[in-house]
Structures are given as C-alpha cells and as structure tokens.
Amino acid sequence: MTDHRGRVAEVLANAPSPDIRLVVATDNQRVSGLGDQGAGGMAMAIGKVALYTAAAGIHPTGTLPISLDAGTDDASLLEDELYVGWREPRLRGRRPVWRETACGAPSPSSTGRGSSSREAP
C-alpha cells in the first residue's frame, strides 16, 4: 500500500477526469451497517457511485470514489497476507487523522470522536 499522507492534492490531481461532480468518500468503518470493512469498504463507495450514475444520471466520468484508510480493528483482515489496506489498528483520538483538505490545506480540528488512545501521527 502506498502512503499518501501529505500528498492529497497530488493524488487527486491524478483523477481520471478533470470535471469531477460527485465524490463519495468512506473511512470504511461503519459501511452500511456492516461494521469495519477495512479497505474493502471501497466497494460500497463504488456501489454508491454506480447508484448515483443510474438513478441520478450523473455520468461515471464525473464521479470519484475515495477511501480514507485509517486502519482496521478487524483482526482477520490484519492477519490476512492478501489484505490491501493499511495494516495497523484503526487510528482514533482527539488529533485529526486527515490533515489535509482536497486542496492540500490544513484540515479543521477533529471532532474528537473515538475512544482509543491510539492517535494519528
């Protein structure tokens, strides 16, 4: 897995279309009531993009599904040698996990949700 921290603007500049009209973002934690899906939660973001494409008439090239991978607490995923996500326990705490906005500027302060003492670097 590639670490994109500090490179959000650069990564988003590689989007396949210059005219993105819909972003579906997930942190993969509470995916449609299924719980922590790890990197597999990206499938739900892609599915929602497909739904918006079919139901709302948004052209697929104007959409961008995004996964904000903050680790997983699912031990079976962490132990799976084929797991493609970030192989760390899920980040939680008061410090912001996402330090950039889409334009690369600092993010607003975090909501402080989460109960673990593990925090973002």
PDB file of N, CA and C in Angstrom:
ATOM      1  N   MET A   1       0.833  -1.175   0.000  1.00  0.00           N
ATOM      2  CA  MET A   1       0.000   0.000   0.000  1.00  0.00           C
ATOM      3  C   MET A   1       0.878   1.239   0.000  1.00  0.00           C
ATOM      4  N   THR A   2       0.446   2.252  -0.695  1.00  0.00           N
ATOM      5  CA  THR A   2       1.193   3.492  -0.784  1.00  0.00           C
ATOM      6  C   THR A   2       0.715   4.468   0.278  1.00  0.00           C
ATOM      7  N   ASP A   3       1.645   5.152   0.912  1.00  0.00           N
ATOM      8  CA  ASP A   3       1.304   6.157   1.907  1.00  0.00           C
ATOM      9  C   ASP A   3       1.133   7.498   1.199  1.00  0.00           C
ATOM     10  N   HIS A   4      -0.086   8.011   1.202  1.00  0.00           N
ATOM     11  CA  HIS A   4      -0.380   9.262   0.509  1.00  0.00           C
ATOM     12  C   HIS A   4      -0.473  10.446   1.464  1.00  0.00           C
ATOM     13  N   ARG A   5      -0.096  10.242   2.736  1.00  0.00           N
ATOM     14  CA  ARG A   5      -0.162  11.362   3.676  1.00  0.00           C
ATOM     15  C   ARG A   5       0.700  12.511   3.175  1.00  0.00           C
ATOM     16  N   GLY A   6       0.141  13.718   3.235  1.00  0.00           N
ATOM     17  CA  GLY A   6       0.861  14.889   2.779  1.00  0.00           C
ATOM     18  C   GLY A   6       0.814  15.101   1.275  1.00  0.00           C
ATOM     19  N   ARG A   7       0.092  14.216   0.556  1.00  0.00           N
ATOM     20  CA  ARG A   7       0.075  14.282  -0.905  1.00  0.00           C
ATOM     21  C   ARG A   7      -1.343  14.259  -1.476  1.00  0.00           C
ATOM     22  N   VAL A   8      -2.322  14.697  -0.702  1.00  0.00           N
ATOM     23  CA  VAL A   8      -3.706  14.602  -1.147  1.00  0.00           C
ATOM     24  C   VAL A   8      -3.935  15.364  -2.451  1.00  0.00           C
ATOM     25  N   ALA A   9      -3.463  16.606  -2.524  1.00  0.00           N
ATOM     26  CA  ALA A   9      -3.668  17.391  -3.749  1.00  0.00           C
ATOM     27  C   ALA A   9      -3.021  16.714  -4.953  1.00  0.00           C
ATOM     28  N   GLU A  10      -1.835  16.170  -4.764  1.00  0.00           N
ATOM     29  CA  GLU A  10      -1.129  15.473  -5.848  1.00  0.00           C
ATOM     30  C   GLU A  10      -1.903  14.238  -6.306  1.00  0.00           C
ATOM     31  N   VAL A  11      -2.397  13.464  -5.364  1.00  0.00           N
ATOM     32  CA  VAL A  11      -3.141  12.250  -5.699  1.00  0.00           C
ATOM     33  C   VAL A  11      -4.443  12.604  -6.411  1.00  0.00           C
ATOM     34  N   LEU A  12      -5.169  13.608  -5.911  1.00  0.00           N
ATOM     35  CA  LEU A  12      -6.430  13.993  -6.543  1.00  0.00           C
ATOM     36  C   LEU A  12      -6.211  14.589  -7.932  1.00  0.00           C
ATOM     37  N   ALA A  13      -5.056  15.186  -8.162  1.00  0.00           N
ATOM     38  CA  ALA A  13      -4.747  15.720  -9.494  1.00  0.00           C
ATOM     39  C   ALA A  13      -4.645  14.600 -10.525  1.00  0.00           C
ATOM     40  N   ASN A  14      -4.482  13.359 -10.078  1.00  0.00           N
ATOM     41  CA  ASN A  14      -4.403  12.208 -10.980  1.00  0.00           C
ATOM     42  C   ASN A  14      -5.772  11.592 -11.267  1.00  0.00           C
ATOM     43  N   ALA A  15      -6.840  12.250 -10.814  1.00  0.00           N
ATOM     44  CA  ALA A  15      -8.192  11.730 -11.093  1.00  0.00           C
ATOM     45  C   ALA A  15      -8.372  11.593 -12.600  1.00  0.00           C
ATOM     46  N   PRO A  16      -9.088  10.573 -13.043  1.00  0.00           N
ATOM     47  CA  PRO A  16      -9.209  10.309 -14.474  1.00  0.00           C
ATOM     48  C   PRO A  16      -9.978  11.370 -15.257  1.00  0.00           C
ATOM     49  N   SER A  17     -10.719  12.223 -14.565  1.00  0.00           N
ATOM     50  CA  SER A  17     -11.479  13.269 -15.242  1.00  0.00           C
ATOM     51  C   SER A  17     -11.206  14.610 -14.579  1.00  0.00           C
ATOM     52  N   PRO A  18     -11.060  15.667 -15.368  1.00  0.00           N
ATOM     53  CA  PRO A  18     -10.847  16.989 -14.768  1.00  0.00           C
ATOM     54  C   PRO A  18     -12.158  17.617 -14.276  1.00  0.00           C
ATOM     55  N   ASP A  19     -13.302  16.983 -14.551  1.00  0.00           N
ATOM     56  CA  ASP A  19     -14.605  17.552 -14.216  1.00  0.00           C
ATOM     57  C   ASP A  19     -15.357  16.652 -13.243  1.00  0.00           C
ATOM     58  N   ILE A  20     -14.837  16.485 -12.042  1.00  0.00           N
ATOM     59  CA  ILE A  20     -15.476  15.651 -11.017  1.00  0.00           C
ATOM     60  C   ILE A  20     -16.639  16.431 -10.413  1.00  0.00           C
ATOM     61  N   ARG A  21     -17.820  15.834 -10.437  1.00  0.00           N
ATOM     62  CA  ARG A  21     -19.019  16.491  -9.913  1.00  0.00           C
ATOM     63  C   ARG A  21     -19.559  15.824  -8.659  1.00  0.00           C
ATOM     64  N   LEU A  22     -19.126  14.598  -8.395  1.00  0.00           N
ATOM     65  CA  LEU A  22     -19.610  13.871  -7.226  1.00  0.00           C
ATOM     66  C   LEU A  22     -18.467  13.069  -6.627  1.00  0.00           C
ATOM     67  N   VAL A  23     -18.219  13.265  -5.341  1.00  0.00           N
ATOM     68  CA  VAL A  23     -17.234  12.477  -4.610  1.00  0.00           C
ATOM     69  C   VAL A  23     -17.985  11.672  -3.564  1.00  0.00           C
ATOM     70  N   VAL A  24     -17.738  10.375  -3.522  1.00  0.00           N
ATOM     71  CA  VAL A  24     -18.282   9.522  -2.476  1.00  0.00           C
ATOM     72  C   VAL A  24     -17.084   9.043  -1.661  1.00  0.00           C
ATOM     73  N   ALA A  25     -17.006   9.505  -0.426  1.00  0.00           N
ATOM     74  CA  ALA A  25     -15.859   9.177   0.421  1.00  0.00           C
ATOM     75  C   ALA A  25     -16.283   8.273   1.564  1.00  0.00           C
ATOM     76  N   THR A  26     -15.387   7.382   1.954  1.00  0.00           N
ATOM     77  CA  THR A  26     -15.631   6.492   3.085  1.00  0.00           C
ATOM     78  C   THR A  26     -14.365   6.359   3.904  1.00  0.00           C
ATOM     79  N   ASP A  27     -14.549   6.162   5.210  1.00  0.00           N
ATOM     80  CA  ASP A  27     -13.404   5.810   6.054  1.00  0.00           C
ATOM     81  C   ASP A  27     -13.465   4.323   6.398  1.00  0.00           C
ATOM     82  N   ASN A  28     -14.391   3.614   5.759  1.00  0.00           N
ATOM     83  CA  ASN A  28     -14.518   2.156   5.837  1.00  0.00           C
ATOM     84  C   ASN A  28     -14.912   1.618   7.208  1.00  0.00           C
ATOM     85  N   GLN A  29     -15.339   2.471   8.125  1.00  0.00           N
ATOM     86  CA  GLN A  29     -15.608   1.987   9.468  1.00  0.00           C
ATOM     87  C   GLN A  29     -17.016   1.450   9.659  1.00  0.00           C
ATOM     88  N   ARG A  30     -18.016   2.220   9.327  1.00  0.00           N
ATOM     89  CA  ARG A  30     -19.399   1.785   9.536  1.00  0.00           C
ATOM     90  C   ARG A  30     -20.099   1.731   8.186  1.00  0.00           C
ATOM     91  N   VAL A  31     -19.690   0.810   7.370  1.00  0.00           N
ATOM     92  CA  VAL A  31     -20.166   0.731   5.996  1.00  0.00           C
ATOM     93  C   VAL A  31     -21.543   0.077   5.956  1.00  0.00           C
ATOM     94  N   SER A  32     -22.558   0.882   5.690  1.00  0.00           N
ATOM     95  CA  SER A  32     -23.944   0.406   5.527  1.00  0.00           C
ATOM     96  C   SER A  32     -24.371  -0.593   6.598  1.00  0.00           C
ATOM     97  N   GLY A  33     -23.984  -0.334   7.829  1.00  0.00           N
ATOM     98  CA  GLY A  33     -24.365  -1.208   8.928  1.00  0.00           C
ATOM     99  C   GLY A  33     -23.585  -2.509   8.999  1.00  0.00           C
ATOM    100  N   LEU A  34     -22.596  -2.673   8.130  1.00  0.00           N
ATOM    101  CA  LEU A  34     -21.811  -3.913   8.108  1.00  0.00           C
ATOM    102  C   LEU A  34     -20.631  -3.877   9.075  1.00  0.00           C
ATOM    103  N   GLY A  35     -20.317  -2.711   9.605  1.00  0.00           N
ATOM    104  CA  GLY A  35     -19.182  -2.594  10.520  1.00  0.00           C
ATOM    105  C   GLY A  35     -17.883  -2.320   9.787  1.00  0.00           C
ATOM    106  N   ASP A  36     -16.796  -2.545  10.467  1.00  0.00           N
ATOM    107  CA  ASP A  36     -15.449  -2.257   9.960  1.00  0.00           C
ATOM    108  C   ASP A  36     -15.114  -3.189   8.801  1.00  0.00           C
ATOM    109  N   GLN A  37     -15.011  -2.623   7.613  1.00  0.00           N
ATOM    110  CA  GLN A  37     -14.709  -3.411   6.420  1.00  0.00           C
ATOM    111  C   GLN A  37     -13.262  -3.263   5.968  1.00  0.00           C
ATOM    112  N   GLY A  38     -12.480  -2.450   6.686  1.00  0.00           N
ATOM    113  CA  GLY A  38     -11.123  -2.203   6.226  1.00  0.00           C
ATOM    114  C   GLY A  38     -11.169  -1.624   4.826  1.00  0.00           C
ATOM    115  N   ALA A  39     -10.154  -1.877   4.048  1.00  0.00           N
ATOM    116  CA  ALA A  39     -10.091  -1.344   2.678  1.00  0.00           C
ATOM    117  C   ALA A  39     -11.233  -1.873   1.808  1.00  0.00           C
ATOM    118  N   GLY A  40     -11.872  -2.945   2.204  1.00  0.00           N
ATOM    119  CA  GLY A  40     -12.997  -3.497   1.455  1.00  0.00           C
ATOM    120  C   GLY A  40     -14.199  -2.571   1.413  1.00  0.00           C
ATOM    121  N   GLY A  41     -14.227  -1.571   2.284  1.00  0.00           N
ATOM    122  CA  GLY A  41     -15.318  -0.600   2.272  1.00  0.00           C
ATOM    123  C   GLY A  41     -15.359   0.217   0.993  1.00  0.00           C
ATOM    124  N   MET A  42     -14.259   0.222   0.258  1.00  0.00           N
ATOM    125  CA  MET A  42     -14.219   0.951  -1.008  1.00  0.00           C
ATOM    126  C   MET A  42     -15.278   0.418  -1.970  1.00  0.00           C
ATOM    127  N   ALA A  43     -15.596  -0.864  -1.886  1.00  0.00           N
ATOM    128  CA  ALA A  43     -16.621  -1.449  -2.759  1.00  0.00           C
ATOM    129  C   ALA A  43     -17.967  -0.764  -2.554  1.00  0.00           C
ATOM    130  N   MET A  44     -18.271  -0.350  -1.331  1.00  0.00           N
ATOM    131  CA  MET A  44     -19.531   0.330  -1.068  1.00  0.00           C
ATOM    132  C   MET A  44     -19.530   1.725  -1.695  1.00  0.00           C
ATOM    133  N   ALA A  45     -18.401   2.432  -1.639  1.00  0.00           N
ATOM    134  CA  ALA A  45     -18.313   3.752  -2.283  1.00  0.00           C
ATOM    135  C   ALA A  45     -18.482   3.616  -3.792  1.00  0.00           C
ATOM    136  N   ILE A  46     -17.880   2.598  -4.366  1.00  0.00           N
ATOM    137  CA  ILE A  46     -18.022   2.354  -5.806  1.00  0.00           C
ATOM    138  C   ILE A  46     -19.470   2.007  -6.137  1.00  0.00           C
ATOM    139  N   GLY A  47     -20.111   1.210  -5.295  1.00  0.00           N
ATOM    140  CA  GLY A  47     -21.517   0.866  -5.494  1.00  0.00           C
ATOM    141  C   GLY A  47     -22.423   2.087  -5.426  1.00  0.00           C
ATOM    142  N   LYS A  48     -22.138   3.000  -4.499  1.00  0.00           N
ATOM    143  CA  LYS A  48     -22.935   4.222  -4.411  1.00  0.00           C
ATOM    144  C   LYS A  48     -22.745   5.089  -5.655  1.00  0.00           C
ATOM    145  N   VAL A  49     -21.517   5.146  -6.158  1.00  0.00           N
ATOM    146  CA  VAL A  49     -21.269   5.885  -7.397  1.00  0.00           C
ATOM    147  C   VAL A  49     -22.109   5.278  -8.526  1.00  0.00           C
ATOM    148  N   ALA A  50     -22.165   3.951  -8.603  1.00  0.00           N
ATOM    149  CA  ALA A  50     -22.964   3.287  -9.641  1.00  0.00           C
ATOM    150  C   ALA A  50     -24.444   3.626  -9.482  1.00  0.00           C
ATOM    151  N   LEU A  51     -24.919   3.674  -8.239  1.00  0.00           N
ATOM    152  CA  LEU A  51     -26.316   4.022  -7.980  1.00  0.00           C
ATOM    153  C   LEU A  51     -26.610   5.452  -8.425  1.00  0.00           C
ATOM    154  N   TYR A  52     -25.745   6.387  -8.065  1.00  0.00           N
ATOM    155  CA  TYR A  52     -25.949   7.783  -8.471  1.00  0.00           C
ATOM    156  C   TYR A  52     -25.871   7.923  -9.987  1.00  0.00           C
ATOM    157  N   THR A  53     -25.030   7.135 -10.611  1.00  0.00           N
ATOM    158  CA  THR A  53     -24.922   7.164 -12.071  1.00  0.00           C
ATOM    159  C   THR A  53     -26.233   6.697 -12.705  1.00  0.00           C
ATOM    160  N   ALA A  54     -26.772   5.591 -12.202  1.00  0.00           N
ATOM    161  CA  ALA A  54     -28.002   5.033 -12.769  1.00  0.00           C
ATOM    162  C   ALA A  54     -29.238   5.850 -12.401  1.00  0.00           C
ATOM    163  N   ALA A  55     -29.357   6.223 -11.139  1.00  0.00           N
ATOM    164  CA  ALA A  55     -30.592   6.861 -10.676  1.00  0.00           C
ATOM    165  C   ALA A  55     -30.625   8.367 -10.908  1.00  0.00           C
ATOM    166  N   ALA A  56     -29.484   9.023 -10.832  1.00  0.00           N
ATOM    167  CA  ALA A  56     -29.475  10.478 -10.941  1.00  0.00           C
ATOM    168  C   ALA A  56     -28.921  10.967 -12.273  1.00  0.00           C
ATOM    169  N   GLY A  57     -28.469  10.042 -13.105  1.00  0.00           N
ATOM    170  CA  GLY A  57     -27.985  10.430 -14.424  1.00  0.00           C
ATOM    171  C   GLY A  57     -26.639  11.127 -14.417  1.00  0.00           C
ATOM    172  N   ILE A  58     -25.865  10.939 -13.357  1.00  0.00           N
ATOM    173  CA  ILE A  58     -24.531  11.526 -13.298  1.00  0.00           C
ATOM    174  C   ILE A  58     -23.593  10.640 -14.107  1.00  0.00           C
ATOM    175  N   HIS A  59     -22.899  11.216 -15.067  1.00  0.00           N
ATOM    176  CA  HIS A  59     -22.001  10.425 -15.909  1.00  0.00           C
ATOM    177  C   HIS A  59     -20.870   9.855 -15.045  1.00  0.00           C
ATOM    178  N   PRO A  60     -20.512   8.591 -15.247  1.00  0.00           N
ATOM    179  CA  PRO A  60     -19.473   7.959 -14.418  1.00  0.00           C
ATOM    180  C   PRO A  60     -18.141   8.705 -14.411  1.00  0.00           C
ATOM    181  N   THR A  61     -17.795   9.383 -15.498  1.00  0.00           N
ATOM    182  CA  THR A  61     -16.515  10.087 -15.519  1.00  0.00           C
ATOM    183  C   THR A  61     -16.525  11.330 -14.631  1.00  0.00           C
ATOM    184  N   GLY A  62     -17.710  11.726 -14.157  1.00  0.00           N
ATOM    185  CA  GLY A  62     -17.808  12.869 -13.260  1.00  0.00           C
ATOM    186  C   GLY A  62     -17.874  12.479 -11.801  1.00  0.00           C
ATOM    187  N   THR A  63     -17.537  11.224 -11.504  1.00  0.00           N
ATOM    188  CA  THR A  63     -17.591  10.741 -10.123  1.00  0.00           C
ATOM    189  C   THR A  63     -16.219  10.265  -9.661  1.00  0.00           C
ATOM    190  N   LEU A  64     -16.036  10.276  -8.347  1.00  0.00           N
ATOM    191  CA  LEU A  64     -14.767   9.820  -7.783  1.00  0.00           C
ATOM    192  C   LEU A  64     -15.005   9.182  -6.420  1.00  0.00           C
ATOM    193  N   PRO A  65     -14.903   7.852  -6.322  1.00  0.00           N
ATOM    194  CA  PRO A  65     -14.987   7.213  -5.008  1.00  0.00           C
ATOM    195  C   PRO A  65     -13.627   7.328  -4.306  1.00  0.00           C
ATOM    196  N   ILE A  66     -13.653   7.639  -3.014  1.00  0.00           N
ATOM    197  CA  ILE A  66     -12.411   7.822  -2.254  1.00  0.00           C
ATOM    198  C   ILE A  66     -12.484   7.022  -0.960  1.00  0.00           C
ATOM    199  N   SER A  67     -11.404   6.345  -0.637  1.00  0.00           N
ATOM    200  CA  SER A  67     -11.271   5.641   0.633  1.00  0.00           C
ATOM    201  C   SER A  67     -10.202   6.325   1.466  1.00  0.00           C
ATOM    202  N   LEU A  68     -10.584   6.752   2.666  1.00  0.00           N
ATOM    203  CA  LEU A  68      -9.645   7.338   3.615  1.00  0.00           C
ATOM    204  C   LEU A  68      -9.276   6.227   4.595  1.00  0.00           C
ATOM    205  N   ASP A  69      -8.197   5.538   4.340  1.00  0.00           N
ATOM    206  CA  ASP A  69      -7.824   4.342   5.093  1.00  0.00           C
ATOM    207  C   ASP A  69      -7.140   4.729   6.397  1.00  0.00           C
ATOM    208  N   ALA A  70      -7.826   4.471   7.498  1.00  0.00           N
ATOM    209  CA  ALA A  70      -7.290   4.780   8.826  1.00  0.00           C
ATOM    210  C   ALA A  70      -7.003   3.501   9.599  1.00  0.00           C
ATOM    211  N   GLY A  71      -6.763   2.406   8.876  1.00  0.00           N
ATOM    212  CA  GLY A  71      -6.514   1.134   9.535  1.00  0.00           C
ATOM    213  C   GLY A  71      -7.807   0.391   9.798  1.00  0.00           C
ATOM    214  N   THR A  72      -7.687  -0.727  10.479  1.00  0.00           N
ATOM    215  CA  THR A  72      -8.860  -1.546  10.794  1.00  0.00           C
ATOM    216  C   THR A  72      -8.659  -2.223  12.141  1.00  0.00           C
ATOM    217  N   ASP A  73      -9.748  -2.486  12.819  1.00  0.00           N
ATOM    218  CA  ASP A  73      -9.703  -3.247  14.067  1.00  0.00           C
ATOM    219  C   ASP A  73     -10.132  -4.689  13.845  1.00  0.00           C
ATOM    220  N   ASP A  74     -10.333  -5.073  12.602  1.00  0.00           N
ATOM    221  CA  ASP A  74     -10.724  -6.435  12.262  1.00  0.00           C
ATOM    222  C   ASP A  74      -9.466  -7.307  12.215  1.00  0.00           C
ATOM    223  N   ALA A  75      -9.275  -8.119  13.235  1.00  0.00           N
ATOM    224  CA  ALA A  75      -8.065  -8.944  13.355  1.00  0.00           C
ATOM    225  C   ALA A  75      -7.882  -9.873  12.159  1.00  0.00           C
ATOM    226  N   SER A  76      -8.983 -10.390  11.613  1.00  0.00           N
ATOM    227  CA  SER A  76      -8.848 -11.303  10.472  1.00  0.00           C
ATOM    228  C   SER A  76      -8.277 -10.579   9.252  1.00  0.00           C
ATOM    229  N   LEU A  77      -8.610  -9.313   9.089  1.00  0.00           N
ATOM    230  CA  LEU A  77      -8.038  -8.544   7.981  1.00  0.00           C
ATOM    231  C   LEU A  77      -6.565  -8.251   8.233  1.00  0.00           C
ATOM    232  N   LEU A  78      -6.241  -7.866   9.457  1.00  0.00           N
ATOM    233  CA  LEU A  78      -4.849  -7.545   9.790  1.00  0.00           C
ATOM    234  C   LEU A  78      -3.934  -8.753   9.629  1.00  0.00           C
ATOM    235  N   GLU A  79      -4.468  -9.945   9.832  1.00  0.00           N
ATOM    236  CA  GLU A  79      -3.677 -11.173   9.730  1.00  0.00           C
ATOM    237  C   GLU A  79      -3.648 -11.748   8.313  1.00  0.00           C
ATOM    238  N   ASP A  80      -4.507 -11.254   7.434  1.00  0.00           N
ATOM    239  CA  ASP A  80      -4.612 -11.789   6.075  1.00  0.00           C
ATOM    240  C   ASP A  80      -3.456 -11.269   5.217  1.00  0.00           C
ATOM    241  N   GLU A  81      -2.630 -12.162   4.713  1.00  0.00           N
ATOM    242  CA  GLU A  81      -1.461 -11.755   3.919  1.00  0.00           C
ATOM    243  C   GLU A  81      -1.855 -11.065   2.611  1.00  0.00           C
ATOM    244  N   LEU A  82      -3.100 -11.244   2.163  1.00  0.00           N
ATOM    245  CA  LEU A  82      -3.552 -10.619   0.926  1.00  0.00           C
ATOM    246  C   LEU A  82      -4.307  -9.310   1.159  1.00  0.00           C
ATOM    247  N   TYR A  83      -4.428  -8.883   2.407  1.00  0.00           N
ATOM    248  CA  TYR A  83      -5.152  -7.647   2.713  1.00  0.00           C
ATOM    249  C   TYR A  83      -4.436  -6.458   2.093  1.00  0.00           C
ATOM    250  N   VAL A  84      -5.181  -5.620   1.358  1.00  0.00           N
ATOM    251  CA  VAL A  84      -4.571  -4.496   0.631  1.00  0.00           C
ATOM    252  C   VAL A  84      -4.599  -3.182   1.405  1.00  0.00           C
ATOM    253  N   GLY A  85      -5.265  -3.148   2.541  1.00  0.00           N
ATOM    254  CA  GLY A  85      -5.359  -1.910   3.313  1.00  0.00           C
ATOM    255  C   GLY A  85      -4.159  -1.681   4.213  1.00  0.00           C
ATOM    256  N   TRP A  86      -4.233  -0.575   4.976  1.00  0.00           N
ATOM    257  CA  TRP A  86      -3.170  -0.209   5.907  1.00  0.00           C
ATOM    258  C   TRP A  86      -3.205  -1.183   7.071  1.00  0.00           C
ATOM    259  N   ARG A  87      -2.153  -1.898   7.292  1.00  0.00           N
ATOM    260  CA  ARG A  87      -2.088  -2.969   8.289  1.00  0.00           C
ATOM    261  C   ARG A  87      -1.749  -2.443   9.678  1.00  0.00           C
ATOM    262  N   GLU A  88      -2.625  -1.642  10.207  1.00  0.00           N
ATOM    263  CA  GLU A  88      -2.465  -1.075  11.542  1.00  0.00           C
ATOM    264  C   GLU A  88      -3.830  -1.010  12.202  1.00  0.00           C
ATOM    265  N   PRO A  89      -3.857  -1.048  13.547  1.00  0.00           N
ATOM    266  CA  PRO A  89      -5.141  -0.828  14.218  1.00  0.00           C
ATOM    267  C   PRO A  89      -5.689   0.546  13.839  1.00  0.00           C
ATOM    268  N   ARG A  90      -6.990   0.652  13.793  1.00  0.00           N
ATOM    269  CA  ARG A  90      -7.644   1.891  13.370  1.00  0.00           C
ATOM    270  C   ARG A  90      -7.197   3.077  14.217  1.00  0.00           C
ATOM    271  N   LEU A  91      -6.873   4.178  13.554  1.00  0.00           N
ATOM    272  CA  LEU A  91      -6.485   5.401  14.257  1.00  0.00           C
ATOM    273  C   LEU A  91      -7.713   6.015  14.911  1.00  0.00           C
ATOM    274  N   ARG A  92      -7.542   6.451  16.144  1.00  0.00           N
ATOM    275  CA  ARG A  92      -8.620   7.113  16.885  1.00  0.00           C
ATOM    276  C   ARG A  92      -7.981   8.157  17.786  1.00  0.00           C
ATOM    277  N   GLY A  93      -8.789   9.048  18.265  1.00  0.00           N
ATOM    278  CA  GLY A  93      -8.286  10.012  19.232  1.00  0.00           C
ATOM    279  C   GLY A  93      -8.689  11.424  18.914  1.00  0.00           C
ATOM    280  N   ARG A  94      -8.128  12.336  19.641  1.00  0.00           N
ATOM    281  CA  ARG A  94      -8.511  13.735  19.513  1.00  0.00           C
ATOM    282  C   ARG A  94      -7.788  14.447  18.388  1.00  0.00           C
ATOM    283  N   ARG A  95      -6.583  14.028  18.050  1.00  0.00           N
ATOM    284  CA  ARG A  95      -5.853  14.692  16.976  1.00  0.00           C
ATOM    285  C   ARG A  95      -6.472  14.328  15.639  1.00  0.00           C
ATOM    286  N   PRO A  96      -6.475  15.274  14.682  1.00  0.00           N
ATOM    287  CA  PRO A  96      -7.085  14.958  13.391  1.00  0.00           C
ATOM    288  C   PRO A  96      -6.330  13.843  12.670  1.00  0.00           C
ATOM    289  N   VAL A  97      -7.084  12.923  12.088  1.00  0.00           N
ATOM    290  CA  VAL A  97      -6.479  11.876  11.282  1.00  0.00           C
ATOM    291  C   VAL A  97      -6.181  12.422   9.900  1.00  0.00           C
ATOM    292  N   TRP A  98      -7.102  13.168   9.339  1.00  0.00           N
ATOM    293  CA  TRP A  98      -6.938  13.700   7.993  1.00  0.00           C
ATOM    294  C   TRP A  98      -6.408  15.116   8.123  1.00  0.00           C
ATOM    295  N   ARG A  99      -5.176  15.321   7.749  1.00  0.00           N
ATOM    296  CA  ARG A  99      -4.505  16.595   7.954  1.00  0.00           C
ATOM    297  C   ARG A  99      -4.605  17.536   6.765  1.00  0.00           C
ATOM    298  N   GLU A 100      -5.276  17.138   5.713  1.00  0.00           N
ATOM    299  CA  GLU A 100      -5.374  17.972   4.531  1.00  0.00           C
ATOM    300  C   GLU A 100      -6.796  17.989   4.020  1.00  0.00           C
ATOM    301  N   THR A 101      -7.155  19.060   3.352  1.00  0.00           N
ATOM    302  CA  THR A 101      -8.407  19.083   2.612  1.00  0.00           C
ATOM    303  C   THR A 101      -8.059  18.699   1.184  1.00  0.00           C
ATOM    304  N   ALA A 102      -9.033  18.651   0.325  1.00  0.00           N
ATOM    305  CA  ALA A 102      -8.783  18.260  -1.065  1.00  0.00           C
ATOM    306  C   ALA A 102      -7.770  19.176  -1.741  1.00  0.00           C
ATOM    307  N   CYS A 103      -7.686  20.427  -1.319  1.00  0.00           N
ATOM    308  CA  CYS A 103      -6.747  21.344  -1.963  1.00  0.00           C
ATOM    309  C   CYS A 103      -5.378  21.317  -1.295  1.00  0.00           C
ATOM    310  N   GLY A 104      -5.198  20.483  -0.281  1.00  0.00           N
ATOM    311  CA  GLY A 104      -3.902  20.358   0.366  1.00  0.00           C
ATOM    312  C   GLY A 104      -3.726  21.270   1.564  1.00  0.00           C
ATOM    313  N   ALA A 105      -4.760  22.051   1.900  1.00  0.00           N
ATOM    314  CA  ALA A 105      -4.668  22.957   3.040  1.00  0.00           C
ATOM    315  C   ALA A 105      -4.919  22.181   4.332  1.00  0.00           C
ATOM    316  N   PRO A 106      -4.477  22.709   5.458  1.00  0.00           N
ATOM    317  CA  PRO A 106      -4.734  22.022   6.731  1.00  0.00           C
ATOM    318  C   PRO A 106      -6.226  21.842   6.958  1.00  0.00           C
ATOM    319  N   SER A 107      -6.591  20.730   7.581  1.00  0.00           N
ATOM    320  CA  SER A 107      -7.995  20.447   7.840  1.00  0.00           C
ATOM    321  C   SER A 107      -8.442  21.155   9.115  1.00  0.00           C
ATOM    322  N   PRO A 108      -9.765  21.288   9.291  1.00  0.00           N
ATOM    323  CA  PRO A 108     -10.271  21.828  10.553  1.00  0.00           C
ATOM    324  C   PRO A 108      -9.980  20.854  11.676  1.00  0.00           C
ATOM    325  N   SER A 109     -10.183  21.295  12.911  1.00  0.00           N
ATOM    326  CA  SER A 109      -9.904  20.411  14.047  1.00  0.00           C
ATOM    327  C   SER A 109     -10.820  19.206  13.998  1.00  0.00           C
ATOM    328  N   SER A 110     -10.383  18.132  14.639  1.00  0.00           N
ATOM    329  CA  SER A 110     -11.155  16.890  14.605  1.00  0.00           C
ATOM    330  C   SER A 110     -12.375  16.993  15.491  1.00  0.00           C
ATOM    331  N   THR A 111     -13.257  16.034  15.342  1.00  0.00           N
ATOM    332  CA  THR A 111     -14.471  16.006  16.149  1.00  0.00           C
ATOM    333  C   THR A 111     -14.201  15.428  17.523  1.00  0.00           C
ATOM    334  N   GLY A 112     -13.052  14.764  17.682  1.00  0.00           N
ATOM    335  CA  GLY A 112     -12.723  14.180  18.969  1.00  0.00           C
ATOM    336  C   GLY A 112     -13.431  12.864  19.227  1.00  0.00           C
ATOM    337  N   ARG A 113     -14.088  12.296  18.189  1.00  0.00           N
ATOM    338  CA  ARG A 113     -14.784  11.022  18.364  1.00  0.00           C
ATOM    339  C   ARG A 113     -13.775   9.895  18.485  1.00  0.00           C
ATOM    340  N   GLY A 114     -14.203   8.816  19.064  1.00  0.00           N
ATOM    341  CA  GLY A 114     -13.340   7.651  19.225  1.00  0.00           C
ATOM    342  C   GLY A 114     -12.883   7.546  20.660  1.00  0.00           C
ATOM    343  N   SER A 115     -12.590   6.337  21.088  1.00  0.00           N
ATOM    344  CA  SER A 115     -12.263   6.147  22.492  1.00  0.00           C
ATOM    345  C   SER A 115     -10.878   5.572  22.708  1.00  0.00           C
ATOM    346  N   SER A 116     -10.230   5.132  21.674  1.00  0.00           N
ATOM    347  CA  SER A 116      -8.911   4.524  21.827  1.00  0.00           C
ATOM    348  C   SER A 116      -7.855   5.591  22.085  1.00  0.00           C
ATOM    349  N   SER A 117      -6.766   5.213  22.720  1.00  0.00           N
ATOM    350  CA  SER A 117      -5.694   6.164  22.954  1.00  0.00           C
ATOM    351  C   SER A 117      -4.761   6.260  21.753  1.00  0.00           C
ATOM    352  N   ARG A 118      -4.923   5.375  20.765  1.00  0.00           N
ATOM    353  CA  ARG A 118      -4.085   5.418  19.574  1.00  0.00           C
ATOM    354  C   ARG A 118      -4.469   6.641  18.755  1.00  0.00           C
ATOM    355  N   GLU A 119      -3.500   7.458  18.386  1.00  0.00           N
ATOM    356  CA  GLU A 119      -3.788   8.688  17.683  1.00  0.00           C
ATOM    357  C   GLU A 119      -3.023   8.738  16.373  1.00  0.00           C
ATOM    358  N   ALA A 120      -3.426   9.667  15.535  1.00  0.00           N
ATOM    359  CA  ALA A 120      -2.751   9.883  14.264  1.00  0.00           C
ATOM    360  C   ALA A 120      -1.336  10.367  14.503  1.00  0.00           C
ATOM    361  N   PRO A 121      -0.421  10.047  13.580  1.00  0.00           N
ATOM    362  CA  PRO A 121       0.958  10.510  13.733  1.00  0.00           C
ATOM    363  C   PRO A 121       1.057  12.013  13.611  1.00  0.00           C
TER     364      PRO A 121
END
